[in-house]
Protein backbone atom coordinates (compact mmCIF):
# COMPACT_ATOMS: atom_id res chain seq x y z
CA MET A 1 -3.27 0.92 10.61
CA ALA A 2 -1.39 -1.94 10.03
CA ASP A 3 0.10 -3.14 12.94
CA LEU A 4 3.75 -3.62 10.32
CA PRO A 5 5.52 -1.88 8.16
CA ALA A 6 5.36 -3.19 4.71
CA PRO A 7 7.42 -4.03 2.59
CA PRO A 8 9.01 -0.98 0.20
CA ILE A 9 8.45 -3.97 -2.92
CA LYS A 10 4.55 -4.60 -1.69
CA ILE A 11 4.35 -0.52 -1.17
CA SER A 12 5.55 -0.18 -4.76
CA ILE A 13 3.28 -2.47 -6.08
CA ILE A 14 0.09 -1.10 -4.35
CA ALA A 15 1.42 1.94 -5.45
CA GLN A 16 1.22 1.20 -8.73
CA ASP A 17 -2.14 -0.64 -9.15
CA ASN A 18 -3.92 1.69 -7.04
CA THR A 19 -2.20 5.28 -8.09
CA GLU A 20 -5.78 7.14 -7.21
CA ALA A 21 -6.78 5.00 -4.66
CA PRO A 22 -4.25 5.86 -1.76
CA ILE A 23 -6.56 4.71 0.96
CA LYS A 24 -6.72 1.64 -0.51
CA VAL A 25 -2.90 1.95 -0.15
CA ALA A 26 -3.34 1.68 3.61
CA VAL A 27 -5.67 -0.59 3.94
CA MET A 28 -4.18 -3.47 2.04
CA GLY A 29 -0.97 -2.71 3.61
């Protein structure tokens, strides 16, 4: 959904905060 790939650090932080919500990572990323 994101036009640009999210930085690995951002993905790591979001993944830690939403380990059970991968869909949210896709929306925010």
